[in-house]
Amino acid sequence: MSTNSSPAYAKHPEHTITVTPYRGRVVVETPDGEVLVDTRNALALQEAKYPVVYYVPRADTRMERLTKTAHASVCPFKGTASYFTVEGQPAAVGENAVWSYETPFDEVAGIREALAFYGNKLEVRAEPDA
């Protein structure tokens, strides 16, 4: 029996989320070219008809460049997200540019503590294996 199941799935069983290992490399850079992430261990999260979001391990992220903020948001399917600011970037770029589900619902437990980045603030490049 699940201990942290999303109640939203019972109301919206048509809503789908899949989390799969991404077969390739994901690189995240600031607008000035600083590499924050370079990993071959990303997860691809596909939610309904939204674009794929890549979640990367903290071990492959320059965590010393990120500061956790008080900002939070709630997704009825994934849980509560916490946010990080990229230090040394203008507020429009760095503020709350990174999020993480530290205790996601069971249905998406694979993204626990992984990080995702806003592509409209930072460059997120997914390079599939050939």
N, C-alpha and C. Protein backbone atom coordinates (compact mmCIF):
# COMPACT_ATOMS: atom_id res chain seq x y z
N MET A 1 0.82 -1.18 0.00
CA MET A 1 0.00 0.00 0.00
C MET A 1 0.87 1.25 0.00
N SER A 2 0.53 2.20 -0.82
CA SER A 2 1.29 3.42 -0.97
C SER A 2 1.10 4.34 0.23
N THR A 3 2.15 5.02 0.63
CA THR A 3 2.05 5.92 1.76
C THR A 3 2.01 7.39 1.35
N ASN A 4 2.38 7.69 0.13
CA ASN A 4 2.43 9.08 -0.33
C ASN A 4 1.89 9.16 -1.75
N SER A 5 0.71 8.64 -1.97
CA SER A 5 0.12 8.60 -3.30
C SER A 5 -0.60 9.90 -3.61
N SER A 6 -0.54 10.33 -4.86
CA SER A 6 -1.21 11.55 -5.30
C SER A 6 -2.71 11.34 -5.39
N PRO A 7 -3.48 12.17 -4.71
CA PRO A 7 -4.94 12.06 -4.83
C PRO A 7 -5.46 12.50 -6.20
N ALA A 8 -4.67 13.23 -6.95
CA ALA A 8 -5.11 13.76 -8.24
C ALA A 8 -5.34 12.67 -9.28
N TYR A 9 -4.60 11.56 -9.19
CA TYR A 9 -4.76 10.49 -10.18
C TYR A 9 -6.14 9.84 -10.10
N ALA A 10 -6.71 9.77 -8.90
CA ALA A 10 -8.04 9.19 -8.75
C ALA A 10 -9.09 10.03 -9.48
N LYS A 11 -8.90 11.35 -9.44
CA LYS A 11 -9.84 12.26 -10.10
C LYS A 11 -9.57 12.40 -11.60
N HIS A 12 -8.32 12.21 -12.00
CA HIS A 12 -7.92 12.40 -13.41
C HIS A 12 -7.06 11.22 -13.89
N PRO A 13 -7.65 10.04 -14.03
CA PRO A 13 -6.85 8.88 -14.43
C PRO A 13 -6.28 9.00 -15.85
N GLU A 14 -6.81 9.91 -16.63
CA GLU A 14 -6.31 10.11 -18.00
C GLU A 14 -4.98 10.88 -18.02
N HIS A 15 -4.64 11.53 -16.93
CA HIS A 15 -3.40 12.32 -16.85
C HIS A 15 -2.22 11.36 -16.67
N THR A 16 -1.27 11.42 -17.55
CA THR A 16 -0.14 10.49 -17.48
C THR A 16 1.17 11.22 -17.25
N ILE A 17 2.02 10.59 -16.47
CA ILE A 17 3.39 11.03 -16.27
C ILE A 17 4.27 9.80 -16.36
N THR A 18 5.29 9.88 -17.20
CA THR A 18 6.27 8.80 -17.25
C THR A 18 7.65 9.38 -16.95
N VAL A 19 8.44 8.61 -16.23
CA VAL A 19 9.81 8.98 -15.90
C VAL A 19 10.70 7.85 -16.40
N THR A 20 11.59 8.18 -17.33
CA THR A 20 12.48 7.17 -17.91
C THR A 20 13.90 7.70 -17.97
N PRO A 21 14.89 6.81 -17.89
CA PRO A 21 16.27 7.26 -18.06
C PRO A 21 16.44 7.86 -19.45
N TYR A 22 17.11 9.00 -19.52
CA TYR A 22 17.38 9.64 -20.81
C TYR A 22 18.63 9.01 -21.39
N ARG A 23 18.54 8.58 -22.62
CA ARG A 23 19.69 7.95 -23.29
C ARG A 23 20.44 9.01 -24.07
N GLY A 24 21.34 9.65 -23.37
CA GLY A 24 22.13 10.72 -23.97
C GLY A 24 22.72 11.59 -22.88
N ARG A 25 23.13 12.76 -23.30
CA ARG A 25 23.80 13.71 -22.42
C ARG A 25 22.91 14.93 -22.25
N VAL A 26 22.85 15.46 -21.03
CA VAL A 26 22.14 16.71 -20.76
C VAL A 26 23.15 17.70 -20.19
N VAL A 27 23.16 18.89 -20.80
CA VAL A 27 24.04 19.97 -20.36
C VAL A 27 23.17 21.17 -20.05
N VAL A 28 23.45 21.81 -18.92
CA VAL A 28 22.74 23.04 -18.54
C VAL A 28 23.78 24.13 -18.38
N GLU A 29 23.56 25.26 -19.07
CA GLU A 29 24.49 26.39 -19.01
C GLU A 29 23.75 27.68 -18.68
N THR A 30 24.48 28.59 -18.05
CA THR A 30 23.97 29.93 -17.84
C THR A 30 24.09 30.70 -19.16
N PRO A 31 23.42 31.85 -19.29
CA PRO A 31 23.54 32.63 -20.53
C PRO A 31 24.96 33.05 -20.86
N ASP A 32 25.82 33.17 -19.83
CA ASP A 32 27.21 33.55 -20.09
C ASP A 32 28.13 32.34 -20.30
N GLY A 33 27.55 31.14 -20.45
CA GLY A 33 28.32 29.97 -20.83
C GLY A 33 28.86 29.11 -19.70
N GLU A 34 28.52 29.42 -18.46
CA GLU A 34 28.99 28.59 -17.35
C GLU A 34 28.19 27.29 -17.32
N VAL A 35 28.90 26.18 -17.31
CA VAL A 35 28.25 24.86 -17.26
C VAL A 35 27.88 24.54 -15.82
N LEU A 36 26.59 24.35 -15.58
CA LEU A 36 26.11 23.97 -14.25
C LEU A 36 25.92 22.46 -14.13
N VAL A 37 25.59 21.82 -15.26
CA VAL A 37 25.34 20.38 -15.29
C VAL A 37 25.91 19.81 -16.57
N ASP A 38 26.54 18.67 -16.45
CA ASP A 38 26.96 17.88 -17.61
C ASP A 38 26.81 16.43 -17.18
N THR A 39 25.76 15.77 -17.65
CA THR A 39 25.45 14.44 -17.14
C THR A 39 24.96 13.49 -18.23
N ARG A 40 25.20 12.23 -18.01
CA ARG A 40 24.61 11.17 -18.81
C ARG A 40 23.66 10.34 -17.94
N ASN A 41 23.25 10.93 -16.80
CA ASN A 41 22.39 10.24 -15.84
C ASN A 41 21.06 10.95 -15.63
N ALA A 42 20.59 11.66 -16.63
CA ALA A 42 19.34 12.40 -16.50
C ALA A 42 18.13 11.49 -16.63
N LEU A 43 17.02 11.97 -16.10
CA LEU A 43 15.72 11.32 -16.28
C LEU A 43 14.87 12.23 -17.15
N ALA A 44 14.09 11.63 -18.03
CA ALA A 44 13.17 12.38 -18.87
C ALA A 44 11.76 12.20 -18.31
N LEU A 45 11.15 13.30 -17.90
CA LEU A 45 9.80 13.25 -17.38
C LEU A 45 8.86 13.78 -18.45
N GLN A 46 7.94 12.94 -18.89
CA GLN A 46 6.93 13.32 -19.87
C GLN A 46 5.59 13.37 -19.17
N GLU A 47 5.02 14.56 -19.09
CA GLU A 47 3.73 14.74 -18.43
C GLU A 47 2.69 15.19 -19.44
N ALA A 48 1.68 14.34 -19.60
CA ALA A 48 0.56 14.63 -20.53
C ALA A 48 1.15 15.11 -21.85
N LYS A 49 0.69 16.26 -22.33
CA LYS A 49 1.15 16.78 -23.64
C LYS A 49 2.20 17.88 -23.50
N TYR A 50 2.74 18.06 -22.29
CA TYR A 50 3.76 19.09 -22.07
C TYR A 50 5.10 18.64 -22.64
N PRO A 51 6.00 19.59 -22.91
CA PRO A 51 7.35 19.19 -23.35
C PRO A 51 8.06 18.38 -22.27
N VAL A 52 8.98 17.55 -22.70
CA VAL A 52 9.79 16.75 -21.77
C VAL A 52 10.59 17.68 -20.85
N VAL A 53 10.67 17.30 -19.58
CA VAL A 53 11.51 18.01 -18.62
C VAL A 53 12.59 17.03 -18.16
N TYR A 54 13.84 17.50 -18.18
CA TYR A 54 14.96 16.66 -17.78
C TYR A 54 15.31 16.92 -16.32
N TYR A 55 15.36 15.86 -15.55
CA TYR A 55 15.74 15.93 -14.15
C TYR A 55 17.12 15.32 -14.02
N VAL A 56 18.02 16.04 -13.35
CA VAL A 56 19.42 15.61 -13.27
C VAL A 56 19.82 15.37 -11.81
N PRO A 57 20.76 14.46 -11.61
CA PRO A 57 21.22 14.19 -10.24
C PRO A 57 21.99 15.38 -9.66
N ARG A 58 21.83 15.57 -8.37
CA ARG A 58 22.60 16.62 -7.70
C ARG A 58 24.09 16.34 -7.78
N ALA A 59 24.47 15.08 -7.81
CA ALA A 59 25.90 14.72 -7.88
C ALA A 59 26.55 15.23 -9.17
N ASP A 60 25.76 15.45 -10.21
CA ASP A 60 26.29 15.93 -11.50
C ASP A 60 26.03 17.42 -11.69
N THR A 61 25.66 18.11 -10.62
CA THR A 61 25.32 19.53 -10.67
C THR A 61 26.28 20.31 -9.79
N ARG A 62 26.65 21.49 -10.24
CA ARG A 62 27.51 22.35 -9.43
C ARG A 62 26.67 22.98 -8.32
N MET A 63 26.40 22.20 -7.30
CA MET A 63 25.51 22.62 -6.21
C MET A 63 26.02 23.85 -5.47
N GLU A 64 27.33 24.08 -5.50
CA GLU A 64 27.87 25.26 -4.83
C GLU A 64 27.40 26.56 -5.50
N ARG A 65 26.87 26.46 -6.70
CA ARG A 65 26.36 27.63 -7.43
C ARG A 65 24.88 27.87 -7.16
N LEU A 66 24.23 26.95 -6.42
CA LEU A 66 22.80 27.05 -6.17
C LEU A 66 22.53 27.34 -4.69
N THR A 67 21.54 28.18 -4.45
CA THR A 67 21.10 28.47 -3.09
C THR A 67 19.61 28.21 -3.00
N LYS A 68 19.23 27.40 -2.04
CA LYS A 68 17.81 27.09 -1.86
C LYS A 68 17.07 28.35 -1.42
N THR A 69 15.88 28.55 -1.96
CA THR A 69 15.06 29.71 -1.61
C THR A 69 13.84 29.27 -0.81
N ALA A 70 13.05 30.22 -0.36
CA ALA A 70 11.83 29.91 0.38
C ALA A 70 10.66 29.64 -0.56
N HIS A 71 10.86 29.86 -1.86
CA HIS A 71 9.77 29.68 -2.83
C HIS A 71 9.39 28.20 -2.94
N ALA A 72 8.11 27.94 -3.11
CA ALA A 72 7.61 26.57 -3.29
C ALA A 72 6.38 26.63 -4.19
N SER A 73 6.10 25.53 -4.84
CA SER A 73 4.87 25.41 -5.63
C SER A 73 4.36 23.98 -5.46
N VAL A 74 3.07 23.79 -5.76
CA VAL A 74 2.47 22.47 -5.60
C VAL A 74 1.90 22.00 -6.92
N CYS A 75 2.27 20.79 -7.30
CA CYS A 75 1.69 20.11 -8.45
C CYS A 75 0.83 18.98 -7.90
N PRO A 76 -0.44 18.90 -8.29
CA PRO A 76 -1.29 17.85 -7.73
C PRO A 76 -0.87 16.44 -8.12
N PHE A 77 0.01 16.32 -9.13
CA PHE A 77 0.45 15.00 -9.59
C PHE A 77 1.86 14.63 -9.12
N LYS A 78 2.68 15.64 -8.81
CA LYS A 78 4.07 15.39 -8.42
C LYS A 78 4.36 15.71 -6.96
N GLY A 79 3.68 16.70 -6.41
CA GLY A 79 3.90 17.08 -5.02
C GLY A 79 4.36 18.51 -4.90
N THR A 80 5.09 18.81 -3.82
CA THR A 80 5.56 20.16 -3.55
C THR A 80 7.00 20.31 -4.05
N ALA A 81 7.20 21.35 -4.86
CA ALA A 81 8.53 21.64 -5.40
C ALA A 81 9.20 22.71 -4.57
N SER A 82 10.48 22.53 -4.33
CA SER A 82 11.29 23.58 -3.72
C SER A 82 12.18 24.16 -4.83
N TYR A 83 12.70 25.35 -4.59
CA TYR A 83 13.41 26.08 -5.64
C TYR A 83 14.79 26.52 -5.19
N PHE A 84 15.64 26.76 -6.20
CA PHE A 84 17.00 27.22 -5.99
C PHE A 84 17.27 28.39 -6.92
N THR A 85 18.11 29.30 -6.46
CA THR A 85 18.58 30.41 -7.28
C THR A 85 20.01 30.11 -7.72
N VAL A 86 20.33 30.46 -8.97
CA VAL A 86 21.69 30.31 -9.48
C VAL A 86 22.44 31.58 -9.08
N GLU A 87 23.41 31.44 -8.20
CA GLU A 87 24.17 32.58 -7.71
C GLU A 87 25.01 33.20 -8.82
N GLY A 88 25.18 34.51 -8.75
CA GLY A 88 26.02 35.22 -9.71
C GLY A 88 25.33 35.55 -11.02
N GLN A 89 24.04 35.26 -11.11
CA GLN A 89 23.27 35.57 -12.31
C GLN A 89 22.29 36.69 -12.00
N PRO A 90 21.93 37.51 -13.01
CA PRO A 90 20.90 38.52 -12.77
C PRO A 90 19.62 37.83 -12.28
N ALA A 91 18.84 38.54 -11.47
CA ALA A 91 17.62 37.95 -10.89
C ALA A 91 16.70 37.38 -11.95
N ALA A 92 16.58 38.04 -13.09
CA ALA A 92 15.69 37.56 -14.15
C ALA A 92 16.14 36.19 -14.68
N VAL A 93 17.40 35.89 -14.53
CA VAL A 93 17.93 34.60 -15.01
C VAL A 93 18.01 33.59 -13.87
N GLY A 94 18.63 33.98 -12.78
CA GLY A 94 18.97 33.01 -11.74
C GLY A 94 17.94 32.74 -10.68
N GLU A 95 17.06 33.71 -10.41
CA GLU A 95 16.14 33.57 -9.28
C GLU A 95 15.12 32.46 -9.52
N ASN A 96 15.11 31.49 -8.61
CA ASN A 96 14.17 30.36 -8.68
C ASN A 96 14.19 29.68 -10.06
N ALA A 97 15.37 29.56 -10.64
CA ALA A 97 15.52 28.97 -11.97
C ALA A 97 15.61 27.45 -11.94
N VAL A 98 15.70 26.89 -10.75
CA VAL A 98 15.91 25.45 -10.57
C VAL A 98 14.88 24.95 -9.56
N TRP A 99 14.31 23.77 -9.83
CA TRP A 99 13.37 23.20 -8.86
C TRP A 99 13.64 21.73 -8.64
N SER A 100 13.07 21.25 -7.53
CA SER A 100 13.28 19.87 -7.13
C SER A 100 12.09 19.40 -6.30
N TYR A 101 11.70 18.17 -6.50
CA TYR A 101 10.68 17.54 -5.66
C TYR A 101 11.43 16.66 -4.66
N GLU A 102 11.59 17.16 -3.47
CA GLU A 102 12.38 16.43 -2.48
C GLU A 102 11.61 15.27 -1.86
N THR A 103 10.29 15.37 -1.82
CA THR A 103 9.44 14.27 -1.36
C THR A 103 8.25 14.16 -2.30
N PRO A 104 8.49 13.71 -3.53
CA PRO A 104 7.40 13.64 -4.51
C PRO A 104 6.42 12.53 -4.16
N PHE A 105 5.26 12.59 -4.81
CA PHE A 105 4.30 11.50 -4.65
C PHE A 105 4.91 10.21 -5.18
N ASP A 106 4.42 9.10 -4.68
CA ASP A 106 4.95 7.78 -5.03
C ASP A 106 4.97 7.54 -6.54
N GLU A 107 3.98 8.06 -7.25
CA GLU A 107 3.88 7.80 -8.69
C GLU A 107 5.08 8.34 -9.48
N VAL A 108 5.78 9.32 -8.91
CA VAL A 108 6.96 9.89 -9.58
C VAL A 108 8.17 9.87 -8.65
N ALA A 109 8.26 8.85 -7.81
CA ALA A 109 9.33 8.76 -6.81
C ALA A 109 10.72 8.82 -7.42
N GLY A 110 10.86 8.46 -8.68
CA GLY A 110 12.16 8.46 -9.33
C GLY A 110 12.82 9.82 -9.43
N ILE A 111 12.03 10.90 -9.35
CA ILE A 111 12.63 12.24 -9.46
C ILE A 111 13.00 12.83 -8.10
N ARG A 112 12.85 12.06 -7.05
CA ARG A 112 13.17 12.55 -5.70
C ARG A 112 14.56 13.17 -5.67
N GLU A 113 14.61 14.44 -5.26
CA GLU A 113 15.84 15.22 -5.08
C GLU A 113 16.61 15.50 -6.37
N ALA A 114 16.10 15.08 -7.51
CA ALA A 114 16.74 15.46 -8.77
C ALA A 114 16.38 16.91 -9.06
N LEU A 115 17.13 17.55 -9.95
CA LEU A 115 16.93 18.96 -10.25
C LEU A 115 16.46 19.16 -11.68
N ALA A 116 15.58 20.13 -11.86
CA ALA A 116 15.13 20.53 -13.20
C ALA A 116 15.37 22.03 -13.34
N PHE A 117 15.53 22.48 -14.58
CA PHE A 117 15.93 23.86 -14.85
C PHE A 117 14.99 24.50 -15.85
N TYR A 118 14.63 25.75 -15.59
CA TYR A 118 13.77 26.49 -16.53
C TYR A 118 14.55 26.80 -17.80
N GLY A 119 14.07 26.28 -18.92
CA GLY A 119 14.71 26.50 -20.21
C GLY A 119 14.57 27.91 -20.73
N ASN A 120 13.66 28.69 -20.17
CA ASN A 120 13.55 30.09 -20.60
C ASN A 120 14.51 30.99 -19.81
N LYS A 121 15.21 30.42 -18.84
CA LYS A 121 16.20 31.17 -18.07
C LYS A 121 17.62 30.67 -18.32
N LEU A 122 17.75 29.37 -18.48
CA LEU A 122 19.04 28.72 -18.68
C LEU A 122 18.96 27.86 -19.94
N GLU A 123 20.11 27.58 -20.52
CA GLU A 123 20.13 26.71 -21.70
C GLU A 123 20.18 25.26 -21.24
N VAL A 124 19.14 24.50 -21.59
CA VAL A 124 19.08 23.07 -21.27
C VAL A 124 19.19 22.33 -22.60
N ARG A 125 20.31 21.64 -22.79
CA ARG A 125 20.57 20.90 -24.03
C ARG A 125 20.52 19.42 -23.79
N ALA A 126 19.66 18.74 -24.50
CA ALA A 126 19.60 17.28 -24.45
C ALA A 126 20.16 16.76 -25.76
N GLU A 127 21.22 15.98 -25.66
CA GLU A 127 21.91 15.44 -26.83
C GLU A 127 21.74 13.93 -26.83
N PRO A 128 20.80 13.42 -27.64
CA PRO A 128 20.54 11.97 -27.62
C PRO A 128 21.72 11.18 -28.16
N ASP A 129 21.86 9.95 -27.65
CA ASP A 129 22.87 9.04 -28.19
C ASP A 129 22.51 8.72 -29.62
N ALA A 130 23.53 8.52 -30.42
CA ALA A 130 23.31 8.21 -31.84
C ALA A 130 22.86 6.77 -32.04
